[in-house]
Amino acid sequence: MAEIEDNVDRELFRNVEKLRQLRIEHRDLDEVISRLTLDMHADELQLKRLKKRKLMLKDQITRVESELIPDLNA
């Protein structure tokens, strides 16, 4: 039983750490996008790619957050 709890704790820690890293990357991308938006000579294609990456990160954050919330129907 202790082994199962240990595995659950490790999985929870991994998810929390992954969530932290995703949030950091999302915040950093937000800052880069904000700076590029102010630059009139910014590459529009690069800006679109960064925005798409930011949206994908947001989706990943949402997915990991939902995994961390216990299922209330269980």
PDB file of N, CA and C in Angstrom:
ATOM      1  N   MET A   1       0.823  -1.201   0.000  1.00  0.00           N
ATOM      2  CA  MET A   1       0.000   0.000   0.000  1.00  0.00           C
ATOM      3  C   MET A   1       0.865   1.262   0.000  1.00  0.00           C
ATOM      4  N   ALA A   2       1.972   1.220   0.770  1.00  0.00           N
ATOM      5  CA  ALA A   2       2.871   2.372   0.839  1.00  0.00           C
ATOM      6  C   ALA A   2       3.496   2.646  -0.525  1.00  0.00           C
ATOM      7  N   GLU A   3       3.732   1.578  -1.290  1.00  0.00           N
ATOM      8  CA  GLU A   3       4.322   1.734  -2.619  1.00  0.00           C
ATOM      9  C   GLU A   3       3.362   2.471  -3.553  1.00  0.00           C
ATOM     10  N   ILE A   4       2.090   2.169  -3.459  1.00  0.00           N
ATOM     11  CA  ILE A   4       1.080   2.837  -4.285  1.00  0.00           C
ATOM     12  C   ILE A   4       1.009   4.318  -3.923  1.00  0.00           C
ATOM     13  N   GLU A   5       1.007   4.605  -2.621  1.00  0.00           N
ATOM     14  CA  GLU A   5       0.976   5.997  -2.175  1.00  0.00           C
ATOM     15  C   GLU A   5       2.213   6.745  -2.632  1.00  0.00           C
ATOM     16  N   ASP A   6       3.369   6.078  -2.605  1.00  0.00           N
ATOM     17  CA  ASP A   6       4.616   6.690  -3.049  1.00  0.00           C
ATOM     18  C   ASP A   6       4.559   7.008  -4.534  1.00  0.00           C
ATOM     19  N   ASN A   7       3.998   6.085  -5.323  1.00  0.00           N
ATOM     20  CA  ASN A   7       3.843   6.320  -6.762  1.00  0.00           C
ATOM     21  C   ASN A   7       2.896   7.482  -7.035  1.00  0.00           C
ATOM     22  N   VAL A   8       1.822   7.557  -6.264  1.00  0.00           N
ATOM     23  CA  VAL A   8       0.857   8.647  -6.415  1.00  0.00           C
ATOM     24  C   VAL A   8       1.522   9.977  -6.072  1.00  0.00           C
ATOM     25  N   ASP A   9       2.297   9.990  -4.987  1.00  0.00           N
ATOM     26  CA  ASP A   9       3.008  11.213  -4.592  1.00  0.00           C
ATOM     27  C   ASP A   9       3.995  11.659  -5.674  1.00  0.00           C
ATOM     28  N   ARG A  10       4.728  10.694  -6.233  1.00  0.00           N
ATOM     29  CA  ARG A  10       5.687  11.034  -7.295  1.00  0.00           C
ATOM     30  C   ARG A  10       4.971  11.579  -8.526  1.00  0.00           C
ATOM     31  N   GLU A  11       3.860  10.968  -8.890  1.00  0.00           N
ATOM     32  CA  GLU A  11       3.089  11.424 -10.048  1.00  0.00           C
ATOM     33  C   GLU A  11       2.529  12.825  -9.804  1.00  0.00           C
ATOM     34  N   LEU A  12       2.034  13.061  -8.600  1.00  0.00           N
ATOM     35  CA  LEU A  12       1.514  14.377  -8.243  1.00  0.00           C
ATOM     36  C   LEU A  12       2.621  15.421  -8.326  1.00  0.00           C
ATOM     37  N   PHE A  13       3.797  15.100  -7.790  1.00  0.00           N
ATOM     38  CA  PHE A  13       4.926  16.018  -7.836  1.00  0.00           C
ATOM     39  C   PHE A  13       5.314  16.322  -9.285  1.00  0.00           C
ATOM     40  N   ARG A  14       5.354  15.285 -10.122  1.00  0.00           N
ATOM     41  CA  ARG A  14       5.701  15.488 -11.538  1.00  0.00           C
ATOM     42  C   ARG A  14       4.689  16.410 -12.218  1.00  0.00           C
ATOM     43  N   ASN A  15       3.418  16.207 -11.936  1.00  0.00           N
ATOM     44  CA  ASN A  15       2.381  17.053 -12.536  1.00  0.00           C
ATOM     45  C   ASN A  15       2.470  18.497 -12.053  1.00  0.00           C
ATOM     46  N   VAL A  16       2.730  18.678 -10.772  1.00  0.00           N
ATOM     47  CA  VAL A  16       2.863  20.033 -10.222  1.00  0.00           C
ATOM     48  C   VAL A  16       4.083  20.717 -10.834  1.00  0.00           C
ATOM     49  N   GLU A  17       5.174  19.989 -10.959  1.00  0.00           N
ATOM     50  CA  GLU A  17       6.396  20.551 -11.550  1.00  0.00           C
ATOM     51  C   GLU A  17       6.173  20.877 -13.034  1.00  0.00           C
ATOM     52  N   LYS A  18       5.493  20.000 -13.753  1.00  0.00           N
ATOM     53  CA  LYS A  18       5.194  20.243 -15.160  1.00  0.00           C
ATOM     54  C   LYS A  18       4.323  21.486 -15.303  1.00  0.00           C
ATOM     55  N   LEU A  19       3.337  21.608 -14.438  1.00  0.00           N
ATOM     56  CA  LEU A  19       2.453  22.768 -14.455  1.00  0.00           C
ATOM     57  C   LEU A  19       3.249  24.050 -14.213  1.00  0.00           C
ATOM     58  N   ARG A  20       4.161  24.010 -13.280  1.00  0.00           N
ATOM     59  CA  ARG A  20       4.998  25.178 -12.972  1.00  0.00           C
ATOM     60  C   ARG A  20       5.823  25.577 -14.196  1.00  0.00           C
ATOM     61  N   GLN A  21       6.428  24.597 -14.846  1.00  0.00           N
ATOM     62  CA  GLN A  21       7.255  24.868 -16.019  1.00  0.00           C
ATOM     63  C   GLN A  21       6.419  25.416 -17.179  1.00  0.00           C
ATOM     64  N   LEU A  22       5.244  24.857 -17.369  1.00  0.00           N
ATOM     65  CA  LEU A  22       4.359  25.344 -18.433  1.00  0.00           C
ATOM     66  C   LEU A  22       3.927  26.784 -18.181  1.00  0.00           C
ATOM     67  N   ARG A  23       3.616  27.096 -16.933  1.00  0.00           N
ATOM     68  CA  ARG A  23       3.214  28.474 -16.599  1.00  0.00           C
ATOM     69  C   ARG A  23       4.353  29.460 -16.814  1.00  0.00           C
ATOM     70  N   ILE A  24       5.573  29.047 -16.476  1.00  0.00           N
ATOM     71  CA  ILE A  24       6.739  29.911 -16.692  1.00  0.00           C
ATOM     72  C   ILE A  24       6.938  30.174 -18.184  1.00  0.00           C
ATOM     73  N   GLU A  25       6.880  29.104 -18.974  1.00  0.00           N
ATOM     74  CA  GLU A  25       7.058  29.261 -20.416  1.00  0.00           C
ATOM     75  C   GLU A  25       5.952  30.126 -21.009  1.00  0.00           C
ATOM     76  N   HIS A  26       4.730  29.946 -20.544  1.00  0.00           N
ATOM     77  CA  HIS A  26       3.591  30.741 -21.022  1.00  0.00           C
ATOM     78  C   HIS A  26       3.806  32.219 -20.694  1.00  0.00           C
ATOM     79  N   ARG A  27       4.232  32.504 -19.479  1.00  0.00           N
ATOM     80  CA  ARG A  27       4.478  33.885 -19.057  1.00  0.00           C
ATOM     81  C   ARG A  27       5.617  34.511 -19.881  1.00  0.00           C
ATOM     82  N   ASP A  28       6.689  33.735 -20.093  1.00  0.00           N
ATOM     83  CA  ASP A  28       7.814  34.234 -20.879  1.00  0.00           C
ATOM     84  C   ASP A  28       7.395  34.534 -22.321  1.00  0.00           C
ATOM     85  N   LEU A  29       6.600  33.648 -22.900  1.00  0.00           N
ATOM     86  CA  LEU A  29       6.109  33.872 -24.258  1.00  0.00           C
ATOM     87  C   LEU A  29       5.230  35.117 -24.323  1.00  0.00           C
ATOM     88  N   ASP A  30       4.428  35.317 -23.295  1.00  0.00           N
ATOM     89  CA  ASP A  30       3.566  36.492 -23.238  1.00  0.00           C
ATOM     90  C   ASP A  30       4.408  37.764 -23.279  1.00  0.00           C
ATOM     91  N   GLU A  31       5.509  37.769 -22.539  1.00  0.00           N
ATOM     92  CA  GLU A  31       6.393  38.937 -22.517  1.00  0.00           C
ATOM     93  C   GLU A  31       7.042  39.162 -23.878  1.00  0.00           C
ATOM     94  N   VAL A  32       7.495  38.085 -24.511  1.00  0.00           N
ATOM     95  CA  VAL A  32       8.129  38.192 -25.828  1.00  0.00           C
ATOM     96  C   VAL A  32       7.120  38.714 -26.856  1.00  0.00           C
ATOM     97  N   ILE A  33       5.924  38.170 -26.826  1.00  0.00           N
ATOM     98  CA  ILE A  33       4.881  38.601 -27.761  1.00  0.00           C
ATOM     99  C   ILE A  33       4.548  40.072 -27.550  1.00  0.00           C
ATOM    100  N   SER A  34       4.472  40.489 -26.309  1.00  0.00           N
ATOM    101  CA  SER A  34       4.180  41.898 -26.014  1.00  0.00           C
ATOM    102  C   SER A  34       5.258  42.810 -26.583  1.00  0.00           C
ATOM    103  N   ARG A  35       6.515  42.426 -26.410  1.00  0.00           N
ATOM    104  CA  ARG A  35       7.618  43.234 -26.943  1.00  0.00           C
ATOM    105  C   ARG A  35       7.599  43.260 -28.468  1.00  0.00           C
ATOM    106  N   LEU A  36       7.367  42.101 -29.080  1.00  0.00           N
ATOM    107  CA  LEU A  36       7.348  42.035 -30.539  1.00  0.00           C
ATOM    108  C   LEU A  36       6.186  42.822 -31.130  1.00  0.00           C
ATOM    109  N   THR A  37       5.084  42.857 -30.424  1.00  0.00           N
ATOM    110  CA  THR A  37       3.910  43.594 -30.895  1.00  0.00           C
ATOM    111  C   THR A  37       4.219  45.088 -31.006  1.00  0.00           C
ATOM    112  N   LEU A  38       5.090  45.572 -30.125  1.00  0.00           N
ATOM    113  CA  LEU A  38       5.456  46.987 -30.150  1.00  0.00           C
ATOM    114  C   LEU A  38       6.463  47.311 -31.252  1.00  0.00           C
ATOM    115  N   ASP A  39       7.149  46.303 -31.769  1.00  0.00           N
ATOM    116  CA  ASP A  39       8.166  46.487 -32.807  1.00  0.00           C
ATOM    117  C   ASP A  39       7.503  46.481 -34.185  1.00  0.00           C
ATOM    118  N   MET A  40       7.587  47.599 -34.877  1.00  0.00           N
ATOM    119  CA  MET A  40       6.943  47.699 -36.194  1.00  0.00           C
ATOM    120  C   MET A  40       7.619  46.810 -37.228  1.00  0.00           C
ATOM    121  N   HIS A  41       8.847  46.400 -36.979  1.00  0.00           N
ATOM    122  CA  HIS A  41       9.595  45.579 -37.933  1.00  0.00           C
ATOM    123  C   HIS A  41       9.583  44.103 -37.552  1.00  0.00           C
ATOM    124  N   ALA A  42       8.730  43.751 -36.625  1.00  0.00           N
ATOM    125  CA  ALA A  42       8.661  42.350 -36.177  1.00  0.00           C
ATOM    126  C   ALA A  42       8.140  41.457 -37.295  1.00  0.00           C
ATOM    127  N   ASP A  43       8.638  40.261 -37.320  1.00  0.00           N
ATOM    128  CA  ASP A  43       8.232  39.265 -38.308  1.00  0.00           C
ATOM    129  C   ASP A  43       6.843  38.744 -37.930  1.00  0.00           C
ATOM    130  N   GLU A  44       5.876  39.001 -38.781  1.00  0.00           N
ATOM    131  CA  GLU A  44       4.491  38.604 -38.499  1.00  0.00           C
ATOM    132  C   GLU A  44       4.339  37.090 -38.386  1.00  0.00           C
ATOM    133  N   LEU A  45       5.065  36.355 -39.213  1.00  0.00           N
ATOM    134  CA  LEU A  45       4.992  34.898 -39.163  1.00  0.00           C
ATOM    135  C   LEU A  45       5.529  34.380 -37.826  1.00  0.00           C
ATOM    136  N   GLN A  46       6.629  34.944 -37.384  1.00  0.00           N
ATOM    137  CA  GLN A  46       7.189  34.559 -36.090  1.00  0.00           C
ATOM    138  C   GLN A  46       6.195  34.879 -34.967  1.00  0.00           C
ATOM    139  N   LEU A  47       5.586  36.038 -35.048  1.00  0.00           N
ATOM    140  CA  LEU A  47       4.604  36.437 -34.038  1.00  0.00           C
ATOM    141  C   LEU A  47       3.422  35.471 -34.007  1.00  0.00           C
ATOM    142  N   LYS A  48       2.938  35.066 -35.178  1.00  0.00           N
ATOM    143  CA  LYS A  48       1.831  34.106 -35.246  1.00  0.00           C
ATOM    144  C   LYS A  48       2.228  32.768 -34.629  1.00  0.00           C
ATOM    145  N   ARG A  49       3.452  32.331 -34.914  1.00  0.00           N
ATOM    146  CA  ARG A  49       3.934  31.061 -34.360  1.00  0.00           C
ATOM    147  C   ARG A  49       4.047  31.124 -32.846  1.00  0.00           C
ATOM    148  N   LEU A  50       4.523  32.243 -32.342  1.00  0.00           N
ATOM    149  CA  LEU A  50       4.631  32.403 -30.892  1.00  0.00           C
ATOM    150  C   LEU A  50       3.251  32.406 -30.234  1.00  0.00           C
ATOM    151  N   LYS A  51       2.305  33.074 -30.857  1.00  0.00           N
ATOM    152  CA  LYS A  51       0.936  33.105 -30.319  1.00  0.00           C
ATOM    153  C   LYS A  51       0.313  31.710 -30.340  1.00  0.00           C
ATOM    154  N   LYS A  52       0.576  30.969 -31.398  1.00  0.00           N
ATOM    155  CA  LYS A  52       0.053  29.603 -31.481  1.00  0.00           C
ATOM    156  C   LYS A  52       0.669  28.733 -30.393  1.00  0.00           C
ATOM    157  N   ARG A  53       1.974  28.880 -30.179  1.00  0.00           N
ATOM    158  CA  ARG A  53       2.664  28.129 -29.127  1.00  0.00           C
ATOM    159  C   ARG A  53       2.084  28.497 -27.754  1.00  0.00           C
ATOM    160  N   LYS A  54       1.809  29.773 -27.557  1.00  0.00           N
ATOM    161  CA  LYS A  54       1.239  30.223 -26.287  1.00  0.00           C
ATOM    162  C   LYS A  54      -0.144  29.594 -26.053  1.00  0.00           C
ATOM    163  N   LEU A  55      -0.961  29.519 -27.102  1.00  0.00           N
ATOM    164  CA  LEU A  55      -2.277  28.885 -26.978  1.00  0.00           C
ATOM    165  C   LEU A  55      -2.147  27.391 -26.672  1.00  0.00           C
ATOM    166  N   MET A  56      -1.181  26.733 -27.305  1.00  0.00           N
ATOM    167  CA  MET A  56      -0.965  25.306 -27.029  1.00  0.00           C
ATOM    168  C   MET A  56      -0.523  25.108 -25.579  1.00  0.00           C
ATOM    169  N   LEU A  57       0.306  26.003 -25.087  1.00  0.00           N
ATOM    170  CA  LEU A  57       0.733  25.918 -23.690  1.00  0.00           C
ATOM    171  C   LEU A  57      -0.460  26.100 -22.752  1.00  0.00           C
ATOM    172  N   LYS A  58      -1.325  27.048 -23.087  1.00  0.00           N
ATOM    173  CA  LYS A  58      -2.519  27.275 -22.263  1.00  0.00           C
ATOM    174  C   LYS A  58      -3.388  26.026 -22.214  1.00  0.00           C
ATOM    175  N   ASP A  59      -3.532  25.348 -23.355  1.00  0.00           N
ATOM    176  CA  ASP A  59      -4.299  24.099 -23.387  1.00  0.00           C
ATOM    177  C   ASP A  59      -3.642  23.027 -22.521  1.00  0.00           C
ATOM    178  N   GLN A  60      -2.314  22.939 -22.586  1.00  0.00           N
ATOM    179  CA  GLN A  60      -1.597  21.965 -21.753  1.00  0.00           C
ATOM    180  C   GLN A  60      -1.764  22.292 -20.274  1.00  0.00           C
ATOM    181  N   ILE A  61      -1.694  23.569 -19.934  1.00  0.00           N
ATOM    182  CA  ILE A  61      -1.871  23.993 -18.541  1.00  0.00           C
ATOM    183  C   ILE A  61      -3.252  23.580 -18.049  1.00  0.00           C
ATOM    184  N   THR A  62      -4.259  23.828 -18.858  1.00  0.00           N
ATOM    185  CA  THR A  62      -5.631  23.472 -18.494  1.00  0.00           C
ATOM    186  C   THR A  62      -5.769  21.966 -18.290  1.00  0.00           C
ATOM    187  N   ARG A  63      -5.142  21.193 -19.178  1.00  0.00           N
ATOM    188  CA  ARG A  63      -5.213  19.734 -19.082  1.00  0.00           C
ATOM    189  C   ARG A  63      -4.527  19.225 -17.803  1.00  0.00           C
ATOM    190  N   VAL A  64      -3.347  19.746 -17.504  1.00  0.00           N
ATOM    191  CA  VAL A  64      -2.625  19.310 -16.302  1.00  0.00           C
ATOM    192  C   VAL A  64      -3.384  19.739 -15.052  1.00  0.00           C
ATOM    193  N   GLU A  65      -3.931  20.943 -15.059  1.00  0.00           N
ATOM    194  CA  GLU A  65      -4.722  21.403 -13.915  1.00  0.00           C
ATOM    195  C   GLU A  65      -5.918  20.486 -13.672  1.00  0.00           C
ATOM    196  N   SER A  66      -6.572  20.064 -14.740  1.00  0.00           N
ATOM    197  CA  SER A  66      -7.738  19.190 -14.574  1.00  0.00           C
ATOM    198  C   SER A  66      -7.324  17.814 -14.047  1.00  0.00           C
ATOM    199  N   GLU A  67      -6.109  17.368 -14.382  1.00  0.00           N
ATOM    200  CA  GLU A  67      -5.613  16.095 -13.846  1.00  0.00           C
ATOM    201  C   GLU A  67      -5.321  16.197 -12.349  1.00  0.00           C
ATOM    202  N   LEU A  68      -4.971  17.398 -11.897  1.00  0.00           N
ATOM    203  CA  LEU A  68      -4.641  17.588 -10.481  1.00  0.00           C
ATOM    204  C   LEU A  68      -5.885  17.722  -9.609  1.00  0.00           C
ATOM    205  N   ILE A  69      -7.008  18.067 -10.218  1.00  0.00           N
ATOM    206  CA  ILE A  69      -8.256  18.225  -9.462  1.00  0.00           C
ATOM    207  C   ILE A  69      -8.912  16.841  -9.356  1.00  0.00           C
ATOM    208  N   PRO A  70      -9.223  16.392  -8.146  1.00  0.00           N
ATOM    209  CA  PRO A  70      -9.844  15.070  -8.008  1.00  0.00           C
ATOM    210  C   PRO A  70     -11.219  15.033  -8.659  1.00  0.00           C
ATOM    211  N   ASP A  71     -11.551  13.864  -9.164  1.00  0.00           N
ATOM    212  CA  ASP A  71     -12.860  13.665  -9.799  1.00  0.00           C
ATOM    213  C   ASP A  71     -13.925  13.626  -8.717  1.00  0.00           C
ATOM    214  N   LEU A  72     -14.803  14.614  -8.727  1.00  0.00           N
ATOM    215  CA  LEU A  72     -15.824  14.714  -7.685  1.00  0.00           C
ATOM    216  C   LEU A  72     -16.914  13.664  -7.848  1.00  0.00           C
ATOM    217  N   ASN A  73     -17.018  13.069  -9.033  1.00  0.00           N
ATOM    218  CA  ASN A  73     -18.036  12.043  -9.252  1.00  0.00           C
ATOM    219  C   ASN A  73     -17.587  10.665  -8.803  1.00  0.00           C
ATOM    220  N   ALA A  74     -16.323  10.542  -8.480  1.00  0.00           N
ATOM    221  CA  ALA A  74     -15.788   9.213  -8.094  1.00  0.00           C
ATOM    222  C   ALA A  74     -16.235   8.821  -6.705  1.00  0.00           C
TER     223      ALA A  74
END
